PDB file of N, CA and C in Angstrom:
ATOM      1  N   MET A   1     -11.099  -5.927  10.828  1.00  0.00           N
ATOM      2  CA  MET A   1     -10.761  -4.564  11.188  1.00  0.00           C
ATOM      3  C   MET A   1      -9.692  -4.032  10.224  1.00  0.00           C
ATOM      4  N   SER A   2      -9.919  -2.871   9.699  1.00  0.00           N
ATOM      5  CA  SER A   2      -8.953  -2.307   8.757  1.00  0.00           C
ATOM      6  C   SER A   2      -7.839  -1.589   9.511  1.00  0.00           C
ATOM      7  N   GLU A   3      -6.709  -1.478   8.842  1.00  0.00           N
ATOM      8  CA  GLU A   3      -5.569  -0.799   9.442  1.00  0.00           C
ATOM      9  C   GLU A   3      -5.804   0.700   9.477  1.00  0.00           C
ATOM     10  N   LYS A   4      -5.256   1.305  10.490  1.00  0.00           N
ATOM     11  CA  LYS A   4      -5.369   2.757  10.632  1.00  0.00           C
ATOM     12  C   LYS A   4      -4.476   3.453   9.601  1.00  0.00           C
ATOM     13  N   ILE A   5      -5.013   4.469   8.980  1.00  0.00           N
ATOM     14  CA  ILE A   5      -4.250   5.273   8.029  1.00  0.00           C
ATOM     15  C   ILE A   5      -3.448   6.284   8.846  1.00  0.00           C
ATOM     16  N   THR A   6      -2.141   6.226   8.723  1.00  0.00           N
ATOM     17  CA  THR A   6      -1.270   7.087   9.522  1.00  0.00           C
ATOM     18  C   THR A   6      -1.393   8.550   9.087  1.00  0.00           C
ATOM     19  N   ARG A   7      -0.966   9.409   9.952  1.00  0.00           N
ATOM     20  CA  ARG A   7      -0.998  10.850   9.648  1.00  0.00           C
ATOM     21  C   ARG A   7      -0.145  11.145   8.417  1.00  0.00           C
ATOM     22  N   GLU A   8       1.021  10.521   8.346  1.00  0.00           N
ATOM     23  CA  GLU A   8       1.918  10.733   7.205  1.00  0.00           C
ATOM     24  C   GLU A   8       1.245  10.309   5.894  1.00  0.00           C
ATOM     25  N   LEU A   9       0.575   9.179   5.918  1.00  0.00           N
ATOM     26  CA  LEU A   9      -0.109   8.698   4.722  1.00  0.00           C
ATOM     27  C   LEU A   9      -1.287   9.605   4.374  1.00  0.00           C
ATOM     28  N   ASN A  10      -1.969  10.096   5.384  1.00  0.00           N
ATOM     29  CA  ASN A  10      -3.079  11.017   5.192  1.00  0.00           C
ATOM     30  C   ASN A  10      -2.607  12.312   4.525  1.00  0.00           C
ATOM     31  N   VAL A  11      -1.508  12.858   5.004  1.00  0.00           N
ATOM     32  CA  VAL A  11      -0.948  14.089   4.436  1.00  0.00           C
ATOM     33  C   VAL A  11      -0.545  13.857   2.989  1.00  0.00           C
ATOM     34  N   ARG A  12       0.090  12.729   2.728  1.00  0.00           N
ATOM     35  CA  ARG A  12       0.524  12.412   1.365  1.00  0.00           C
ATOM     36  C   ARG A  12      -0.672  12.272   0.430  1.00  0.00           C
ATOM     37  N   ALA A  13      -1.741  11.672   0.905  1.00  0.00           N
ATOM     38  CA  ALA A  13      -2.948  11.536   0.100  1.00  0.00           C
ATOM     39  C   ALA A  13      -3.516  12.912  -0.243  1.00  0.00           C
ATOM     40  N   ILE A  14      -3.571  13.781   0.729  1.00  0.00           N
ATOM     41  CA  ILE A  14      -4.090  15.129   0.505  1.00  0.00           C
ATOM     42  C   ILE A  14      -3.242  15.857  -0.531  1.00  0.00           C
ATOM     43  N   LYS A  15      -1.906  15.726  -0.428  1.00  0.00           N
ATOM     44  CA  LYS A  15      -1.013  16.371  -1.395  1.00  0.00           C
ATOM     45  C   LYS A  15      -1.227  15.846  -2.805  1.00  0.00           C
ATOM     46  N   ASN A  16      -1.666  14.585  -2.913  1.00  0.00           N
ATOM     47  CA  ASN A  16      -1.932  13.982  -4.219  1.00  0.00           C
ATOM     48  C   ASN A  16      -3.383  14.174  -4.668  1.00  0.00           C
ATOM     49  N   GLY A  17      -4.172  14.884  -3.857  1.00  0.00           N
ATOM     50  CA  GLY A  17      -5.555  15.160  -4.228  1.00  0.00           C
ATOM     51  C   GLY A  17      -6.490  13.974  -4.074  1.00  0.00           C
ATOM     52  N   ILE A  18      -6.137  13.045  -3.201  1.00  0.00           N
ATOM     53  CA  ILE A  18      -6.964  11.856  -2.993  1.00  0.00           C
ATOM     54  C   ILE A  18      -7.948  12.121  -1.864  1.00  0.00           C
ATOM     55  N   LEU A  19      -9.197  11.849  -2.123  1.00  0.00           N
ATOM     56  CA  LEU A  19     -10.244  12.014  -1.123  1.00  0.00           C
ATOM     57  C   LEU A  19     -10.273  10.773  -0.234  1.00  0.00           C
ATOM     58  N   ILE A  20     -10.190  10.967   1.056  1.00  0.00           N
ATOM     59  CA  ILE A  20     -10.236   9.865   2.006  1.00  0.00           C
ATOM     60  C   ILE A  20     -11.585   9.882   2.700  1.00  0.00           C
ATOM     61  N   THR A  21     -12.249   8.740   2.696  1.00  0.00           N
ATOM     62  CA  THR A  21     -13.534   8.596   3.384  1.00  0.00           C
ATOM     63  C   THR A  21     -13.379   7.567   4.495  1.00  0.00           C
ATOM     64  N   THR A  22     -14.430   7.342   5.232  1.00  0.00           N
ATOM     65  CA  THR A  22     -14.380   6.341   6.296  1.00  0.00           C
ATOM     66  C   THR A  22     -14.236   4.927   5.729  1.00  0.00           C
ATOM     67  N   LEU A  23     -14.525   4.751   4.453  1.00  0.00           N
ATOM     68  CA  LEU A  23     -14.416   3.435   3.821  1.00  0.00           C
ATOM     69  C   LEU A  23     -13.061   3.208   3.143  1.00  0.00           C
ATOM     70  N   THR A  24     -12.214   4.240   3.122  1.00  0.00           N
ATOM     71  CA  THR A  24     -10.907   4.122   2.485  1.00  0.00           C
ATOM     72  C   THR A  24     -10.005   3.230   3.336  1.00  0.00           C
ATOM     73  N   THR A  25      -9.413   2.223   2.702  1.00  0.00           N
ATOM     74  CA  THR A  25      -8.490   1.337   3.404  1.00  0.00           C
ATOM     75  C   THR A  25      -7.055   1.771   3.133  1.00  0.00           C
ATOM     76  N   LYS A  26      -6.168   1.351   3.992  1.00  0.00           N
ATOM     77  CA  LYS A  26      -4.754   1.663   3.801  1.00  0.00           C
ATOM     78  C   LYS A  26      -4.273   1.080   2.473  1.00  0.00           C
ATOM     79  N   THR A  27      -4.684  -0.142   2.181  1.00  0.00           N
ATOM     80  CA  THR A  27      -4.271  -0.803   0.946  1.00  0.00           C
ATOM     81  C   THR A  27      -4.716  -0.017  -0.280  1.00  0.00           C
ATOM     82  N   SER A  28      -5.970   0.379  -0.328  1.00  0.00           N
ATOM     83  CA  SER A  28      -6.464   1.114  -1.498  1.00  0.00           C
ATOM     84  C   SER A  28      -5.803   2.484  -1.593  1.00  0.00           C
ATOM     85  N   LEU A  29      -5.533   3.103  -0.465  1.00  0.00           N
ATOM     86  CA  LEU A  29      -4.894   4.416  -0.459  1.00  0.00           C
ATOM     87  C   LEU A  29      -3.463   4.335  -0.992  1.00  0.00           C
ATOM     88  N   VAL A  30      -2.705   3.352  -0.535  1.00  0.00           N
ATOM     89  CA  VAL A  30      -1.329   3.199  -1.013  1.00  0.00           C
ATOM     90  C   VAL A  30      -1.322   2.921  -2.513  1.00  0.00           C
ATOM     91  N   ARG A  31      -2.241   2.080  -2.989  1.00  0.00           N
ATOM     92  CA  ARG A  31      -2.309   1.792  -4.434  1.00  0.00           C
ATOM     93  C   ARG A  31      -2.629   3.048  -5.235  1.00  0.00           C
ATOM     94  N   LYS A  32      -3.516   3.889  -4.730  1.00  0.00           N
ATOM     95  CA  LYS A  32      -3.832   5.142  -5.425  1.00  0.00           C
ATOM     96  C   LYS A  32      -2.611   6.053  -5.478  1.00  0.00           C
ATOM     97  N   ILE A  33      -1.885   6.127  -4.368  1.00  0.00           N
ATOM     98  CA  ILE A  33      -0.668   6.945  -4.325  1.00  0.00           C
ATOM     99  C   ILE A  33       0.356   6.393  -5.310  1.00  0.00           C
ATOM    100  N   GLN A  34       0.545   5.070  -5.337  1.00  0.00           N
ATOM    101  CA  GLN A  34       1.484   4.456  -6.274  1.00  0.00           C
ATOM    102  C   GLN A  34       1.118   4.834  -7.711  1.00  0.00           C
ATOM    103  N   LEU A  35      -0.130   4.719  -8.047  1.00  0.00           N
ATOM    104  CA  LEU A  35      -0.603   5.015  -9.402  1.00  0.00           C
ATOM    105  C   LEU A  35      -0.363   6.481  -9.760  1.00  0.00           C
ATOM    106  N   LEU A  36      -0.724   7.381  -8.867  1.00  0.00           N
ATOM    107  CA  LEU A  36      -0.554   8.811  -9.120  1.00  0.00           C
ATOM    108  C   LEU A  36       0.911   9.233  -9.202  1.00  0.00           C
ATOM    109  N   GLU A  37       1.782   8.463  -8.554  1.00  0.00           N
ATOM    110  CA  GLU A  37       3.209   8.788  -8.577  1.00  0.00           C
ATOM    111  C   GLU A  37       3.959   8.005  -9.657  1.00  0.00           C
ATOM    112  N   GLY A  38       3.201   7.380 -10.572  1.00  0.00           N
ATOM    113  CA  GLY A  38       3.802   6.717 -11.718  1.00  0.00           C
ATOM    114  C   GLY A  38       4.329   5.313 -11.465  1.00  0.00           C
ATOM    115  N   GLU A  39       3.950   4.733 -10.351  1.00  0.00           N
ATOM    116  CA  GLU A  39       4.373   3.377 -10.021  1.00  0.00           C
ATOM    117  C   GLU A  39       3.248   2.393 -10.317  1.00  0.00           C
ATOM    118  N   THR A  40       3.600   1.127 -10.385  1.00  0.00           N
ATOM    119  CA  THR A  40       2.588   0.082 -10.542  1.00  0.00           C
ATOM    120  C   THR A  40       1.842  -0.054  -9.216  1.00  0.00           C
ATOM    121  N   PRO A  41       0.508  -0.016  -9.230  1.00  0.00           N
ATOM    122  CA  PRO A  41      -0.255  -0.128  -7.990  1.00  0.00           C
ATOM    123  C   PRO A  41      -0.314  -1.586  -7.506  1.00  0.00           C
ATOM    124  N   CYS A  42       0.803  -2.061  -6.974  1.00  0.00           N
ATOM    125  CA  CYS A  42       0.947  -3.476  -6.643  1.00  0.00           C
ATOM    126  C   CYS A  42       0.898  -3.781  -5.147  1.00  0.00           C
ATOM    127  N   PHE A  43       0.729  -2.773  -4.309  1.00  0.00           N
ATOM    128  CA  PHE A  43       0.764  -2.946  -2.856  1.00  0.00           C
ATOM    129  C   PHE A  43      -0.199  -4.028  -2.394  1.00  0.00           C
ATOM    130  N   ARG A  44       0.349  -5.052  -1.745  1.00  0.00           N
ATOM    131  CA  ARG A  44      -0.407  -6.178  -1.182  1.00  0.00           C
ATOM    132  C   ARG A  44      -1.237  -6.948  -2.204  1.00  0.00           C
ATOM    133  N   THR A  45      -0.748  -7.004  -3.437  1.00  0.00           N
ATOM    134  CA  THR A  45      -1.376  -7.842  -4.453  1.00  0.00           C
ATOM    135  C   THR A  45      -0.585  -9.139  -4.555  1.00  0.00           C
ATOM    136  N   ASN A  46      -0.957 -10.011  -5.464  1.00  0.00           N
ATOM    137  CA  ASN A  46      -0.247 -11.268  -5.651  1.00  0.00           C
ATOM    138  C   ASN A  46       1.183 -11.058  -6.138  1.00  0.00           C
ATOM    139  N   VAL A  47       1.493  -9.876  -6.619  1.00  0.00           N
ATOM    140  CA  VAL A  47       2.840  -9.563  -7.089  1.00  0.00           C
ATOM    141  C   VAL A  47       3.856  -9.747  -5.961  1.00  0.00           C
ATOM    142  N   ARG A  48       3.440  -9.506  -4.731  1.00  0.00           N
ATOM    143  CA  ARG A  48       4.380  -9.590  -3.605  1.00  0.00           C
ATOM    144  C   ARG A  48       4.962 -10.979  -3.414  1.00  0.00           C
ATOM    145  N   ASP A  49       4.291 -12.003  -3.948  1.00  0.00           N
ATOM    146  CA  ASP A  49       4.802 -13.373  -3.829  1.00  0.00           C
ATOM    147  C   ASP A  49       6.126 -13.550  -4.568  1.00  0.00           C
ATOM    148  N   SER A  50       6.325 -12.768  -5.622  1.00  0.00           N
ATOM    149  CA  SER A  50       7.555 -12.893  -6.407  1.00  0.00           C
ATOM    150  C   SER A  50       8.333 -11.576  -6.488  1.00  0.00           C
ATOM    151  N   CYS A  51       7.928 -10.612  -5.715  1.00  0.00           N
ATOM    152  CA  CYS A  51       8.537  -9.278  -5.748  1.00  0.00           C
ATOM    153  C   CYS A  51       9.972  -9.305  -5.229  1.00  0.00           C
ATOM    154  N   LYS A  52      10.845  -8.634  -5.925  1.00  0.00           N
ATOM    155  CA  LYS A  52      12.257  -8.556  -5.545  1.00  0.00           C
ATOM    156  C   LYS A  52      12.608  -7.218  -4.901  1.00  0.00           C
ATOM    157  N   GLU A  53      11.622  -6.348  -4.732  1.00  0.00           N
ATOM    158  CA  GLU A  53      11.865  -5.029  -4.148  1.00  0.00           C
ATOM    159  C   GLU A  53      12.258  -5.153  -2.679  1.00  0.00           C
ATOM    160  N   THR A  54      13.067  -4.228  -2.223  1.00  0.00           N
ATOM    161  CA  THR A  54      13.456  -4.159  -0.818  1.00  0.00           C
ATOM    162  C   THR A  54      13.070  -2.782  -0.302  1.00  0.00           C
ATOM    163  N   CYS A  55      13.276  -2.565   0.974  1.00  0.00           N
ATOM    164  CA  CYS A  55      12.950  -1.244   1.531  1.00  0.00           C
ATOM    165  C   CYS A  55      13.860  -0.163   0.963  1.00  0.00           C
ATOM    166  N   ASN A  56      14.964  -0.553   0.336  1.00  0.00           N
ATOM    167  CA  ASN A  56      15.848   0.424  -0.305  1.00  0.00           C
ATOM    168  C   ASN A  56      15.327   0.864  -1.669  1.00  0.00           C
ATOM    169  N   THR A  57      14.529   0.023  -2.305  1.00  0.00           N
ATOM    170  CA  THR A  57      14.036   0.339  -3.646  1.00  0.00           C
ATOM    171  C   THR A  57      12.537   0.632  -3.685  1.00  0.00           C
ATOM    172  N   CYS A  58      11.828   0.249  -2.629  1.00  0.00           N
ATOM    173  CA  CYS A  58      10.380   0.502  -2.567  1.00  0.00           C
ATOM    174  C   CYS A  58      10.004   0.857  -1.137  1.00  0.00           C
ATOM    175  N   GLU A  59       9.440   2.020  -0.961  1.00  0.00           N
ATOM    176  CA  GLU A  59       9.103   2.469   0.389  1.00  0.00           C
ATOM    177  C   GLU A  59       8.023   1.626   1.054  1.00  0.00           C
ATOM    178  N   TRP A  60       7.276   0.870   0.269  1.00  0.00           N
ATOM    179  CA  TRP A  60       6.176   0.071   0.805  1.00  0.00           C
ATOM    180  C   TRP A  60       6.574  -1.398   1.035  1.00  0.00           C
ATOM    181  N   ALA A  61       7.764  -1.794   0.651  1.00  0.00           N
ATOM    182  CA  ALA A  61       8.166  -3.210   0.643  1.00  0.00           C
ATOM    183  C   ALA A  61       7.952  -3.929   1.973  1.00  0.00           C
ATOM    184  N   ASN A  62       8.431  -3.371   3.051  1.00  0.00           N
ATOM    185  CA  ASN A  62       8.295  -4.060   4.339  1.00  0.00           C
ATOM    186  C   ASN A  62       6.845  -4.241   4.744  1.00  0.00           C
ATOM    187  N   ASP A  63       6.065  -3.201   4.618  1.00  0.00           N
ATOM    188  CA  ASP A  63       4.654  -3.263   4.998  1.00  0.00           C
ATOM    189  C   ASP A  63       3.873  -4.198   4.080  1.00  0.00           C
ATOM    190  N   CYS A  64       4.282  -4.274   2.850  1.00  0.00           N
ATOM    191  CA  CYS A  64       3.603  -5.107   1.863  1.00  0.00           C
ATOM    192  C   CYS A  64       3.931  -6.582   2.066  1.00  0.00           C
ATOM    193  N   LYS A  65       5.206  -6.894   2.135  1.00  0.00           N
ATOM    194  CA  LYS A  65       5.640  -8.293   2.214  1.00  0.00           C
ATOM    195  C   LYS A  65       5.371  -8.925   3.571  1.00  0.00           C
ATOM    196  N   ASN A  66       5.329  -8.132   4.620  1.00  0.00           N
ATOM    197  CA  ASN A  66       5.112  -8.669   5.966  1.00  0.00           C
ATOM    198  C   ASN A  66       3.648  -8.715   6.370  1.00  0.00           C
ATOM    199  N   TYR A  67       2.765  -8.326   5.462  1.00  0.00           N
ATOM    200  CA  TYR A  67       1.338  -8.353   5.744  1.00  0.00           C
ATOM    201  C   TYR A  67       0.863  -9.800   5.778  1.00  0.00           C
ATOM    202  N   LEU A  68      -0.155 -10.066   6.549  1.00  0.00           N
ATOM    203  CA  LEU A  68      -0.660 -11.428   6.678  1.00  0.00           C
ATOM    204  C   LEU A  68      -1.037 -12.030   5.327  1.00  0.00           C
ATOM    205  N   ILE A  69      -0.706 -13.294   5.164  1.00  0.00           N
ATOM    206  CA  ILE A  69      -1.041 -14.038   3.951  1.00  0.00           C
ATOM    207  C   ILE A  69      -1.960 -15.185   4.353  1.00  0.00           C
ATOM    208  N   ALA A  70      -3.005 -15.415   3.596  1.00  0.00           N
ATOM    209  CA  ALA A  70      -3.949 -16.491   3.893  1.00  0.00           C
ATOM    210  C   ALA A  70      -3.228 -17.829   4.024  1.00  0.00           C
ATOM    211  N   ALA A  71      -3.698 -18.658   4.925  1.00  0.00           N
ATOM    212  CA  ALA A  71      -3.065 -19.955   5.174  1.00  0.00           C
ATOM    213  C   ALA A  71      -2.972 -20.796   3.911  1.00  0.00           C
ATOM    214  N   TRP A  72      -3.992 -20.742   3.066  1.00  0.00           N
ATOM    215  CA  TRP A  72      -3.985 -21.572   1.848  1.00  0.00           C
ATOM    216  C   TRP A  72      -2.955 -21.114   0.832  1.00  0.00           C
ATOM    217  N   LYS A  73      -2.444 -19.885   0.986  1.00  0.00           N
ATOM    218  CA  LYS A  73      -1.449 -19.373   0.034  1.00  0.00           C
ATOM    219  C   LYS A  73      -0.027 -19.597   0.505  1.00  0.00           C
ATOM    220  N   ARG A  74       0.166 -20.009   1.759  1.00  0.00           N
ATOM    221  CA  ARG A  74       1.522 -20.176   2.291  1.00  0.00           C
ATOM    222  C   ARG A  74       2.180 -21.402   1.754  1.00  0.00           C
TER     223      ARG A  74
END
């Protein structure tokens, strides 16, 4: 089951001209927003294993780092 895209994220996507479909995931949407806003599209990628960002420096840090990680990667 995919995560629900929040109203705030939906509004931000619209402001950035991103088309949201029923197949759009929260992860792909955040990465598109990161890319369009000049950031590295690293949300929930392997980068999070060594990421030093905090919620003070990256608005996505908590949601990214606290997302479930496969048992074999722990």
